[in-house]
């Protein structure tokens, strides 16, 4: 939906991985970048195939002098087990694609985008959490997940065509996240250049 701006009426389980590309203009200057998405299936039965894609991401990073630049964790708002699995998926990714010899700390930018910092300070990974299927909750239902320090989460419905319309909260969060990813990938060693992030509107 994000890449094609249209509702997927017959969504299917992600088996293995699905790839998409989205153009994005970095806020600090007019250059257009292409954001490449690897949508990896989160079901338990696909754990082995997930590890293969995580390893491939790490190998490509070594080959091209880059690494995975950002991580989007998606869970089902109507399924609490899905939310509980977020940390498991993150641990699984770090174990395969990260450095097992480094410990992790969690921080929060002024735009509330979660970051993962390796202990030696060499890697900073922006992370965004998305709760999908908001339409299945119903008006009377409330989300009662406990607050987790340092976590920015947006709730949306992939069946709502207005979710990512210009100026919407979800779109602004995504744009800010993409800017953070681009900064981390290309400009983190040029601290005097291009580091401008607009404050996010309230949902």
N, C-alpha and C. Protein backbone atom coordinates (compact mmCIF):
# COMPACT_ATOMS: atom_id res chain seq x y z
N UNK A 1 0.83 -1.21 0.00
CA UNK A 1 0.00 0.00 0.00
C UNK A 1 0.86 1.26 0.00
N UNK A 2 1.92 1.27 0.80
CA UNK A 2 2.80 2.43 0.89
C UNK A 2 3.47 2.72 -0.45
N UNK A 3 3.91 1.69 -1.13
CA UNK A 3 4.66 1.86 -2.38
C UNK A 3 3.76 2.16 -3.57
N UNK A 4 2.54 1.62 -3.57
CA UNK A 4 1.66 1.76 -4.74
C UNK A 4 0.46 2.67 -4.50
N UNK A 5 0.30 3.14 -3.24
CA UNK A 5 -0.79 4.04 -2.90
C UNK A 5 -2.16 3.48 -3.26
N UNK A 6 -2.33 2.18 -3.05
CA UNK A 6 -3.63 1.56 -3.28
C UNK A 6 -3.80 0.39 -2.32
N UNK A 7 -5.05 0.11 -1.99
CA UNK A 7 -5.36 -0.96 -1.05
C UNK A 7 -5.15 -2.31 -1.71
N UNK A 8 -4.51 -3.22 -0.99
CA UNK A 8 -4.36 -4.59 -1.47
C UNK A 8 -5.58 -5.38 -1.00
N UNK A 9 -6.48 -5.67 -1.92
CA UNK A 9 -7.77 -6.26 -1.55
C UNK A 9 -7.68 -7.74 -1.20
N UNK A 10 -6.70 -8.43 -1.74
CA UNK A 10 -6.54 -9.86 -1.45
C UNK A 10 -5.12 -10.14 -0.95
N UNK A 11 -4.80 -9.66 0.26
CA UNK A 11 -3.45 -9.87 0.79
C UNK A 11 -3.18 -11.34 1.05
N UNK A 12 -1.94 -11.74 0.87
CA UNK A 12 -1.53 -13.12 1.10
C UNK A 12 -0.39 -13.15 2.10
N UNK A 13 -0.18 -14.32 2.72
CA UNK A 13 0.94 -14.50 3.63
C UNK A 13 2.24 -14.28 2.86
N UNK A 14 3.19 -13.61 3.53
CA UNK A 14 4.51 -13.46 2.92
C UNK A 14 5.29 -14.74 3.12
N UNK A 15 5.58 -15.43 2.03
CA UNK A 15 6.37 -16.67 2.08
C UNK A 15 7.76 -16.33 1.55
N UNK A 16 8.76 -16.48 2.41
CA UNK A 16 10.10 -16.06 2.01
C UNK A 16 10.20 -14.56 2.18
N UNK A 17 10.30 -13.83 1.08
CA UNK A 17 10.39 -12.37 1.15
C UNK A 17 9.77 -11.75 -0.09
N UNK A 18 9.30 -10.52 0.09
CA UNK A 18 8.73 -9.75 -1.01
C UNK A 18 9.50 -8.43 -1.07
N UNK A 19 9.81 -7.97 -2.28
CA UNK A 19 10.66 -6.80 -2.43
C UNK A 19 9.91 -5.67 -3.14
N UNK A 20 10.09 -4.45 -2.64
CA UNK A 20 9.48 -3.27 -3.25
C UNK A 20 10.49 -2.12 -3.20
N UNK A 21 10.30 -1.14 -4.07
CA UNK A 21 11.16 0.05 -4.10
C UNK A 21 10.26 1.29 -4.10
N UNK A 22 10.64 2.28 -3.30
CA UNK A 22 9.86 3.51 -3.20
C UNK A 22 10.79 4.71 -3.30
N UNK A 23 10.54 5.66 -4.23
CA UNK A 23 11.36 6.87 -4.28
C UNK A 23 11.03 7.81 -3.12
N UNK A 24 12.04 8.47 -2.58
CA UNK A 24 11.83 9.38 -1.46
C UNK A 24 12.81 10.54 -1.57
N UNK A 25 12.31 11.77 -1.42
CA UNK A 25 13.18 12.94 -1.44
C UNK A 25 13.63 13.26 -0.02
N UNK A 26 14.93 13.25 0.17
CA UNK A 26 15.50 13.56 1.48
C UNK A 26 15.18 15.00 1.83
N UNK A 27 14.69 15.22 3.05
CA UNK A 27 14.20 16.52 3.46
C UNK A 27 15.26 17.62 3.38
N UNK A 28 16.52 17.30 3.66
CA UNK A 28 17.55 18.32 3.77
C UNK A 28 18.04 18.86 2.43
N UNK A 29 17.81 18.13 1.36
CA UNK A 29 18.20 18.62 0.03
C UNK A 29 17.36 17.87 -1.01
N UNK A 30 17.29 18.35 -2.24
CA UNK A 30 16.33 17.81 -3.21
C UNK A 30 16.68 16.48 -3.86
N UNK A 31 17.76 15.86 -3.45
CA UNK A 31 18.15 14.59 -4.07
C UNK A 31 17.12 13.50 -3.78
N UNK A 32 16.78 12.72 -4.81
CA UNK A 32 15.83 11.62 -4.64
C UNK A 32 16.59 10.32 -4.40
N UNK A 33 16.14 9.57 -3.41
CA UNK A 33 16.73 8.28 -3.08
C UNK A 33 15.67 7.20 -3.30
N UNK A 34 16.14 5.99 -3.49
CA UNK A 34 15.23 4.86 -3.65
C UNK A 34 15.33 3.96 -2.42
N UNK A 35 14.22 3.85 -1.71
CA UNK A 35 14.17 3.02 -0.51
C UNK A 35 13.80 1.60 -0.93
N UNK A 36 14.65 0.65 -0.63
CA UNK A 36 14.38 -0.74 -0.98
C UNK A 36 13.86 -1.48 0.24
N UNK A 37 12.69 -2.09 0.10
CA UNK A 37 12.05 -2.80 1.20
C UNK A 37 12.19 -4.31 1.01
N UNK A 38 12.57 -4.99 2.07
CA UNK A 38 12.57 -6.46 2.09
C UNK A 38 11.49 -6.86 3.09
N UNK A 39 10.36 -7.30 2.59
CA UNK A 39 9.25 -7.74 3.45
C UNK A 39 9.44 -9.23 3.73
N UNK A 40 9.87 -9.54 4.95
CA UNK A 40 10.20 -10.92 5.32
C UNK A 40 9.08 -11.49 6.19
N UNK A 41 8.58 -12.68 5.83
CA UNK A 41 7.49 -13.31 6.57
C UNK A 41 7.84 -13.55 8.03
N UNK A 42 6.90 -13.22 8.94
CA UNK A 42 7.18 -13.32 10.36
C UNK A 42 6.66 -14.57 11.03
N UNK A 43 5.95 -15.44 10.31
CA UNK A 43 5.40 -16.65 10.93
C UNK A 43 6.52 -17.57 11.41
N UNK A 44 6.24 -18.28 12.49
CA UNK A 44 7.25 -19.15 13.10
C UNK A 44 7.78 -20.19 12.11
N UNK A 45 6.91 -20.71 11.24
CA UNK A 45 7.32 -21.76 10.32
C UNK A 45 8.27 -21.25 9.24
N UNK A 46 8.42 -19.91 9.14
CA UNK A 46 9.33 -19.35 8.14
C UNK A 46 10.65 -18.88 8.76
N UNK A 47 10.92 -19.31 9.98
CA UNK A 47 12.13 -18.84 10.68
C UNK A 47 13.40 -19.17 9.91
N UNK A 48 13.47 -20.36 9.33
CA UNK A 48 14.67 -20.76 8.59
C UNK A 48 14.87 -19.89 7.36
N UNK A 49 13.80 -19.65 6.61
CA UNK A 49 13.93 -18.82 5.41
C UNK A 49 14.26 -17.38 5.78
N UNK A 50 13.74 -16.89 6.91
CA UNK A 50 14.08 -15.54 7.36
C UNK A 50 15.57 -15.40 7.58
N UNK A 51 16.16 -16.39 8.23
CA UNK A 51 17.59 -16.31 8.54
C UNK A 51 18.42 -16.24 7.26
N UNK A 52 17.97 -16.89 6.20
CA UNK A 52 18.70 -16.85 4.93
C UNK A 52 18.69 -15.44 4.35
N UNK A 53 17.54 -14.76 4.43
CA UNK A 53 17.46 -13.40 3.91
C UNK A 53 18.26 -12.43 4.79
N UNK A 54 18.26 -12.66 6.11
CA UNK A 54 19.05 -11.81 6.99
C UNK A 54 20.54 -11.94 6.68
N UNK A 55 20.98 -13.19 6.45
CA UNK A 55 22.38 -13.42 6.11
C UNK A 55 22.73 -12.76 4.79
N UNK A 56 21.80 -12.84 3.83
CA UNK A 56 22.04 -12.24 2.52
C UNK A 56 22.17 -10.73 2.64
N UNK A 57 21.36 -10.13 3.51
CA UNK A 57 21.44 -8.68 3.72
C UNK A 57 22.81 -8.31 4.29
N UNK A 58 23.31 -9.13 5.21
CA UNK A 58 24.62 -8.86 5.80
C UNK A 58 25.73 -9.02 4.77
N UNK A 59 25.64 -10.06 3.92
CA UNK A 59 26.66 -10.29 2.89
C UNK A 59 26.66 -9.17 1.86
N UNK A 60 25.47 -8.71 1.47
CA UNK A 60 25.41 -7.61 0.51
C UNK A 60 25.98 -6.34 1.12
N UNK A 61 25.74 -6.16 2.42
CA UNK A 61 26.29 -4.99 3.09
C UNK A 61 27.81 -4.99 3.06
N UNK A 62 28.41 -6.16 3.32
CA UNK A 62 29.87 -6.26 3.28
C UNK A 62 30.39 -6.02 1.87
N UNK A 63 29.64 -6.48 0.88
CA UNK A 63 30.08 -6.36 -0.52
C UNK A 63 30.04 -4.91 -1.00
N UNK A 64 28.99 -4.19 -0.60
CA UNK A 64 28.80 -2.83 -1.11
C UNK A 64 29.23 -1.76 -0.12
N UNK A 65 29.78 -2.17 1.01
CA UNK A 65 30.24 -1.18 1.97
C UNK A 65 29.12 -0.50 2.73
N UNK A 66 27.97 -1.17 2.83
CA UNK A 66 26.86 -0.61 3.58
C UNK A 66 26.24 -1.73 4.40
N UNK A 67 25.10 -1.46 5.00
CA UNK A 67 24.44 -2.49 5.79
C UNK A 67 22.94 -2.22 5.77
N UNK A 68 22.18 -3.05 6.45
CA UNK A 68 20.76 -2.75 6.62
C UNK A 68 20.65 -1.39 7.29
N UNK A 69 19.93 -0.48 6.69
CA UNK A 69 19.94 0.91 7.16
C UNK A 69 18.78 1.25 8.08
N UNK A 70 17.74 0.43 8.09
CA UNK A 70 16.60 0.69 8.93
C UNK A 70 15.75 -0.56 9.05
N UNK A 71 14.94 -0.61 10.09
CA UNK A 71 14.13 -1.80 10.34
C UNK A 71 12.71 -1.37 10.68
N UNK A 72 11.73 -1.95 9.99
CA UNK A 72 10.32 -1.71 10.29
C UNK A 72 9.72 -3.01 10.80
N UNK A 73 9.23 -2.99 12.02
CA UNK A 73 8.59 -4.16 12.62
C UNK A 73 7.08 -3.98 12.54
N UNK A 74 6.39 -4.93 11.93
CA UNK A 74 4.94 -4.83 11.75
C UNK A 74 4.24 -5.94 12.53
N UNK A 75 3.22 -5.57 13.28
CA UNK A 75 2.45 -6.58 14.01
C UNK A 75 0.96 -6.35 13.80
N UNK A 76 0.19 -7.34 14.19
CA UNK A 76 -1.27 -7.35 14.01
C UNK A 76 -1.91 -6.82 15.29
N UNK A 77 -2.58 -5.67 15.21
CA UNK A 77 -3.20 -5.07 16.39
C UNK A 77 -4.28 -5.94 17.00
N UNK A 78 -4.86 -6.82 16.20
CA UNK A 78 -5.94 -7.68 16.71
C UNK A 78 -5.41 -8.98 17.31
N UNK A 79 -4.09 -9.12 17.35
CA UNK A 79 -3.48 -10.35 17.85
C UNK A 79 -2.34 -10.00 18.80
N UNK A 80 -2.57 -10.15 20.12
CA UNK A 80 -1.56 -9.77 21.10
C UNK A 80 -0.29 -10.60 20.99
N UNK A 81 -0.42 -11.83 20.52
CA UNK A 81 0.78 -12.66 20.35
C UNK A 81 1.71 -12.05 19.31
N UNK A 82 1.12 -11.44 18.30
CA UNK A 82 1.90 -10.78 17.26
C UNK A 82 2.73 -9.66 17.86
N UNK A 83 2.13 -8.88 18.76
CA UNK A 83 2.85 -7.80 19.42
C UNK A 83 3.96 -8.36 20.30
N UNK A 84 3.67 -9.44 21.00
CA UNK A 84 4.67 -10.05 21.88
C UNK A 84 5.87 -10.58 21.11
N UNK A 85 5.65 -10.91 19.84
CA UNK A 85 6.73 -11.46 19.02
C UNK A 85 7.70 -10.41 18.49
N UNK A 86 7.38 -9.13 18.67
CA UNK A 86 8.24 -8.08 18.12
C UNK A 86 9.68 -8.21 18.59
N UNK A 87 9.86 -8.39 19.89
CA UNK A 87 11.22 -8.49 20.42
C UNK A 87 11.90 -9.75 19.91
N UNK A 88 11.14 -10.84 19.76
CA UNK A 88 11.73 -12.08 19.24
C UNK A 88 12.24 -11.88 17.82
N UNK A 89 11.45 -11.19 16.99
CA UNK A 89 11.87 -10.94 15.60
C UNK A 89 13.12 -10.06 15.57
N UNK A 90 13.14 -9.06 16.46
CA UNK A 90 14.29 -8.16 16.51
C UNK A 90 15.54 -8.90 16.96
N UNK A 91 15.41 -9.71 18.01
CA UNK A 91 16.55 -10.50 18.49
C UNK A 91 17.05 -11.44 17.40
N UNK A 92 16.12 -12.02 16.67
CA UNK A 92 16.46 -12.95 15.59
C UNK A 92 17.25 -12.24 14.49
N UNK A 93 16.81 -11.04 14.14
CA UNK A 93 17.50 -10.27 13.11
C UNK A 93 18.92 -9.91 13.56
N UNK A 94 19.05 -9.40 14.78
CA UNK A 94 20.36 -8.99 15.28
C UNK A 94 21.31 -10.18 15.37
N UNK A 95 20.77 -11.34 15.79
CA UNK A 95 21.61 -12.53 15.93
C UNK A 95 22.20 -12.98 14.60
N UNK A 96 21.45 -12.80 13.52
CA UNK A 96 21.90 -13.27 12.21
C UNK A 96 22.62 -12.17 11.43
N UNK A 97 22.03 -10.98 11.38
CA UNK A 97 22.58 -9.92 10.55
C UNK A 97 23.49 -8.97 11.31
N UNK A 98 23.42 -9.01 12.64
CA UNK A 98 24.24 -8.11 13.44
C UNK A 98 25.53 -8.76 13.89
N UNK A 99 26.14 -8.15 14.88
CA UNK A 99 27.41 -8.62 15.42
C UNK A 99 27.13 -9.26 16.78
N UNK A 100 27.30 -10.57 16.86
CA UNK A 100 26.98 -11.29 18.10
C UNK A 100 27.89 -10.90 19.25
N UNK A 101 29.02 -10.27 18.96
CA UNK A 101 29.97 -9.91 20.01
C UNK A 101 29.67 -8.55 20.63
N UNK A 102 28.62 -7.90 20.15
CA UNK A 102 28.29 -6.58 20.66
C UNK A 102 26.95 -6.63 21.39
N UNK A 103 26.85 -5.88 22.47
CA UNK A 103 25.57 -5.77 23.16
C UNK A 103 24.82 -4.56 22.61
N UNK A 104 23.53 -4.50 22.91
CA UNK A 104 22.68 -3.46 22.34
C UNK A 104 22.17 -2.53 23.43
N UNK A 105 22.01 -1.28 23.08
CA UNK A 105 21.32 -0.34 23.94
C UNK A 105 20.25 0.35 23.11
N UNK A 106 19.23 0.84 23.80
CA UNK A 106 18.09 1.42 23.08
C UNK A 106 18.01 2.90 23.41
N UNK A 107 17.74 3.70 22.40
CA UNK A 107 17.62 5.13 22.59
C UNK A 107 16.46 5.67 21.79
N UNK A 108 16.24 6.97 21.91
CA UNK A 108 15.10 7.58 21.24
C UNK A 108 15.52 8.95 20.71
N UNK A 109 15.29 9.22 19.44
CA UNK A 109 15.64 10.51 18.87
C UNK A 109 14.59 11.53 19.26
N UNK A 110 14.85 12.81 18.92
CA UNK A 110 13.87 13.83 19.23
C UNK A 110 12.60 13.69 18.41
N UNK A 111 12.61 12.81 17.41
CA UNK A 111 11.40 12.53 16.63
C UNK A 111 10.75 11.23 17.06
N UNK A 112 11.17 10.69 18.20
CA UNK A 112 10.59 9.47 18.75
C UNK A 112 10.81 8.24 17.88
N UNK A 113 11.81 8.26 17.03
CA UNK A 113 12.14 7.08 16.25
C UNK A 113 13.17 6.27 17.02
N UNK A 114 12.82 5.05 17.29
CA UNK A 114 13.68 4.17 18.06
C UNK A 114 14.98 3.91 17.33
N UNK A 115 16.08 3.85 18.08
CA UNK A 115 17.37 3.53 17.51
C UNK A 115 18.00 2.39 18.30
N UNK A 116 18.75 1.55 17.60
CA UNK A 116 19.53 0.51 18.25
C UNK A 116 20.99 0.89 18.13
N UNK A 117 21.68 0.95 19.24
CA UNK A 117 23.07 1.38 19.25
C UNK A 117 23.94 0.22 19.72
N UNK A 118 24.88 -0.20 18.88
CA UNK A 118 25.84 -1.19 19.33
C UNK A 118 26.73 -0.57 20.39
N UNK A 119 27.21 -1.39 21.30
CA UNK A 119 27.96 -0.91 22.45
C UNK A 119 29.16 -0.05 22.07
N UNK A 120 29.82 -0.42 20.96
CA UNK A 120 31.01 0.34 20.56
C UNK A 120 30.67 1.60 19.77
N UNK A 121 29.38 1.87 19.55
CA UNK A 121 28.97 3.08 18.87
C UNK A 121 29.14 3.05 17.37
N UNK A 122 29.45 1.90 16.80
CA UNK A 122 29.76 1.85 15.37
C UNK A 122 28.51 1.76 14.50
N UNK A 123 27.40 1.31 15.06
CA UNK A 123 26.20 1.11 14.25
C UNK A 123 24.99 1.71 14.94
N UNK A 124 24.21 2.45 14.18
CA UNK A 124 22.98 3.03 14.69
C UNK A 124 21.88 2.65 13.72
N UNK A 125 20.88 1.94 14.19
CA UNK A 125 19.85 1.41 13.31
C UNK A 125 18.49 1.98 13.67
N UNK A 126 17.92 2.85 12.84
CA UNK A 126 16.58 3.35 13.11
C UNK A 126 15.55 2.21 13.02
N UNK A 127 14.61 2.20 13.96
CA UNK A 127 13.58 1.16 13.97
C UNK A 127 12.22 1.82 14.15
N UNK A 128 11.26 1.40 13.35
CA UNK A 128 9.89 1.89 13.45
C UNK A 128 8.96 0.71 13.64
N UNK A 129 8.01 0.84 14.57
CA UNK A 129 7.04 -0.22 14.83
C UNK A 129 5.68 0.21 14.28
N UNK A 130 5.07 -0.67 13.48
CA UNK A 130 3.76 -0.38 12.89
C UNK A 130 2.75 -1.44 13.34
N UNK A 131 1.66 -0.98 13.91
CA UNK A 131 0.55 -1.86 14.25
C UNK A 131 -0.48 -1.80 13.14
N UNK A 132 -0.71 -2.90 12.45
CA UNK A 132 -1.64 -2.93 11.32
C UNK A 132 -2.99 -3.54 11.76
N UNK A 133 -3.95 -3.48 10.88
CA UNK A 133 -5.31 -4.01 11.08
C UNK A 133 -6.08 -3.26 12.16
N UNK A 134 -5.87 -1.96 12.20
CA UNK A 134 -6.60 -1.12 13.15
C UNK A 134 -8.10 -1.22 12.94
N UNK A 135 -8.50 -1.49 11.70
CA UNK A 135 -9.92 -1.58 11.36
C UNK A 135 -10.60 -2.76 12.04
N UNK A 136 -9.84 -3.76 12.47
CA UNK A 136 -10.42 -4.94 13.10
C UNK A 136 -10.67 -4.76 14.60
N UNK A 137 -10.18 -3.66 15.17
CA UNK A 137 -10.32 -3.49 16.61
C UNK A 137 -11.73 -3.10 17.01
N UNK A 138 -12.41 -2.32 16.19
CA UNK A 138 -13.73 -1.86 16.55
C UNK A 138 -13.64 -0.65 17.47
N UNK A 139 -14.67 0.16 17.49
CA UNK A 139 -14.65 1.40 18.26
C UNK A 139 -14.57 1.16 19.76
N UNK A 140 -15.13 0.05 20.22
CA UNK A 140 -15.20 -0.17 21.67
C UNK A 140 -13.91 -0.77 22.22
N UNK A 141 -13.06 -1.29 21.36
CA UNK A 141 -11.86 -1.96 21.82
C UNK A 141 -10.72 -0.97 22.01
N UNK A 142 -9.94 -1.17 23.05
CA UNK A 142 -8.79 -0.32 23.31
C UNK A 142 -7.52 -1.16 23.30
N UNK A 143 -6.44 -0.53 22.90
CA UNK A 143 -5.14 -1.21 22.91
C UNK A 143 -4.52 -1.03 24.28
N UNK A 144 -4.23 -2.11 24.96
CA UNK A 144 -3.76 -2.03 26.34
C UNK A 144 -2.35 -2.56 26.51
N UNK A 145 -1.55 -2.53 25.44
CA UNK A 145 -0.17 -2.98 25.57
C UNK A 145 0.57 -2.06 26.53
N UNK A 146 1.42 -2.61 27.39
CA UNK A 146 2.19 -1.75 28.29
C UNK A 146 3.15 -0.87 27.51
N UNK A 147 3.42 0.31 28.06
CA UNK A 147 4.36 1.22 27.41
C UNK A 147 5.76 0.63 27.45
N UNK A 148 6.46 0.76 26.35
CA UNK A 148 7.82 0.29 26.28
C UNK A 148 8.70 1.49 26.00
N UNK A 149 9.69 1.71 26.86
CA UNK A 149 10.53 2.89 26.75
C UNK A 149 11.23 2.94 25.39
N UNK A 150 11.19 4.11 24.78
CA UNK A 150 11.93 4.32 23.55
C UNK A 150 11.28 3.78 22.31
N UNK A 151 9.99 3.46 22.35
CA UNK A 151 9.37 2.84 21.18
C UNK A 151 8.36 3.80 20.55
N UNK A 152 8.55 4.10 19.27
CA UNK A 152 7.56 4.86 18.52
C UNK A 152 6.73 3.86 17.72
N UNK A 153 5.43 3.93 17.86
CA UNK A 153 4.56 3.00 17.14
C UNK A 153 3.40 3.76 16.51
N UNK A 154 3.13 3.48 15.24
CA UNK A 154 1.95 4.05 14.61
C UNK A 154 0.95 2.93 14.33
N UNK A 155 -0.31 3.23 14.52
CA UNK A 155 -1.38 2.26 14.28
C UNK A 155 -2.13 2.67 13.02
N UNK A 156 -2.36 1.71 12.15
CA UNK A 156 -3.01 2.03 10.88
C UNK A 156 -3.79 0.83 10.36
N UNK A 157 -4.54 1.09 9.29
CA UNK A 157 -5.26 0.03 8.59
C UNK A 157 -4.82 0.04 7.14
N UNK A 158 -4.31 -1.08 6.68
CA UNK A 158 -3.89 -1.20 5.28
C UNK A 158 -5.09 -1.23 4.34
N UNK A 159 -6.31 -1.28 4.91
CA UNK A 159 -7.52 -1.27 4.11
C UNK A 159 -8.10 0.15 3.96
N UNK A 160 -7.44 1.12 4.58
CA UNK A 160 -7.89 2.51 4.49
C UNK A 160 -7.06 3.24 3.44
N UNK A 161 -7.63 3.63 2.31
CA UNK A 161 -6.86 4.27 1.24
C UNK A 161 -6.30 5.63 1.63
N UNK A 162 -6.77 6.21 2.76
CA UNK A 162 -6.30 7.53 3.19
C UNK A 162 -5.14 7.45 4.17
N UNK A 163 -4.69 6.24 4.48
CA UNK A 163 -3.66 6.06 5.50
C UNK A 163 -2.42 6.89 5.24
N UNK A 164 -1.92 6.84 4.01
CA UNK A 164 -0.67 7.53 3.68
C UNK A 164 -0.89 8.74 2.78
N UNK A 165 -2.04 9.39 2.89
CA UNK A 165 -2.27 10.59 2.10
C UNK A 165 -1.36 11.72 2.57
N UNK A 166 -1.11 12.69 1.70
CA UNK A 166 -0.20 13.79 2.00
C UNK A 166 -0.63 14.52 3.27
N UNK A 167 0.31 14.65 4.20
CA UNK A 167 0.04 15.37 5.44
C UNK A 167 -0.52 14.52 6.56
N UNK A 168 -0.83 13.26 6.31
CA UNK A 168 -1.35 12.39 7.38
C UNK A 168 -0.24 12.07 8.38
N UNK A 169 -0.65 11.73 9.60
CA UNK A 169 0.34 11.42 10.63
C UNK A 169 1.22 10.24 10.20
N UNK A 170 0.59 9.20 9.65
CA UNK A 170 1.36 8.01 9.24
C UNK A 170 2.38 8.38 8.16
N UNK A 171 1.98 9.23 7.22
CA UNK A 171 2.91 9.61 6.16
C UNK A 171 4.07 10.43 6.71
N UNK A 172 3.79 11.34 7.65
CA UNK A 172 4.84 12.17 8.23
C UNK A 172 5.83 11.33 9.02
N UNK A 173 5.32 10.34 9.75
CA UNK A 173 6.21 9.44 10.50
C UNK A 173 7.10 8.66 9.54
N UNK A 174 6.52 8.15 8.46
CA UNK A 174 7.30 7.38 7.49
C UNK A 174 8.37 8.25 6.84
N UNK A 175 8.03 9.48 6.47
CA UNK A 175 9.00 10.37 5.85
C UNK A 175 10.16 10.67 6.79
N UNK A 176 9.83 10.92 8.05
CA UNK A 176 10.87 11.18 9.04
C UNK A 176 11.77 9.96 9.23
N UNK A 177 11.15 8.79 9.22
CA UNK A 177 11.92 7.55 9.35
C UNK A 177 12.85 7.38 8.15
N UNK A 178 12.34 7.61 6.94
CA UNK A 178 13.17 7.48 5.74
C UNK A 178 14.34 8.47 5.77
N UNK A 179 14.09 9.71 6.24
CA UNK A 179 15.17 10.68 6.35
C UNK A 179 16.25 10.19 7.30
N UNK A 180 15.81 9.58 8.40
CA UNK A 180 16.77 9.06 9.38
C UNK A 180 17.60 7.94 8.76
N UNK A 181 16.96 7.07 7.99
CA UNK A 181 17.66 5.97 7.33
C UNK A 181 18.69 6.52 6.35
N UNK A 182 18.31 7.51 5.55
CA UNK A 182 19.22 8.09 4.56
C UNK A 182 20.39 8.77 5.26
N UNK A 183 20.09 9.52 6.32
CA UNK A 183 21.16 10.17 7.07
C UNK A 183 22.15 9.15 7.60
N UNK A 184 21.62 8.08 8.19
CA UNK A 184 22.48 7.06 8.77
C UNK A 184 23.33 6.38 7.70
N UNK A 185 22.77 6.18 6.53
CA UNK A 185 23.48 5.47 5.48
C UNK A 185 24.53 6.33 4.79
N UNK A 186 24.22 7.61 4.57
CA UNK A 186 25.08 8.43 3.71
C UNK A 186 25.76 9.61 4.39
N UNK A 187 25.18 10.13 5.49
CA UNK A 187 25.70 11.38 6.03
C UNK A 187 26.13 11.32 7.49
N UNK A 188 26.13 10.16 8.11
CA UNK A 188 26.43 10.10 9.54
C UNK A 188 27.85 10.54 9.86
N UNK A 189 28.76 10.42 8.89
CA UNK A 189 30.14 10.85 9.10
C UNK A 189 30.37 12.29 8.66
N UNK A 190 29.29 12.97 8.25
CA UNK A 190 29.37 14.38 7.87
C UNK A 190 28.37 15.13 8.74
N UNK A 191 28.68 15.23 10.01
CA UNK A 191 27.70 15.69 10.99
C UNK A 191 27.23 17.13 10.75
N UNK A 192 28.01 17.90 10.00
CA UNK A 192 27.61 19.28 9.76
C UNK A 192 26.69 19.40 8.55
N UNK A 193 26.41 18.27 7.88
CA UNK A 193 25.61 18.31 6.66
C UNK A 193 24.27 17.61 6.83
N UNK A 194 23.23 18.24 6.38
CA UNK A 194 21.95 17.60 6.08
C UNK A 194 21.22 16.98 7.26
N UNK A 195 21.60 17.27 8.48
CA UNK A 195 20.87 16.64 9.58
C UNK A 195 19.76 17.57 10.06
N UNK A 196 18.65 17.55 9.36
CA UNK A 196 17.49 18.32 9.77
C UNK A 196 16.26 17.44 9.76
N UNK A 197 15.59 17.38 10.89
CA UNK A 197 14.39 16.54 10.97
C UNK A 197 13.25 17.39 11.53
N UNK A 198 12.16 17.46 10.81
CA UNK A 198 11.02 18.25 11.26
C UNK A 198 10.31 17.56 12.41
N UNK A 199 9.78 18.33 13.37
CA UNK A 199 8.99 17.70 14.43
C UNK A 199 7.75 17.06 13.85
N UNK A 200 7.35 15.93 14.43
CA UNK A 200 6.19 15.21 13.92
C UNK A 200 4.91 15.76 14.53
N UNK A 201 3.82 15.78 13.76
CA UNK A 201 2.54 16.23 14.31
C UNK A 201 1.95 15.18 15.23
N UNK A 202 1.07 15.60 16.10
CA UNK A 202 0.38 14.64 16.96
C UNK A 202 -0.64 13.87 16.14
N UNK A 203 -0.83 12.57 16.44
CA UNK A 203 -1.80 11.77 15.66
C UNK A 203 -3.22 12.24 15.92
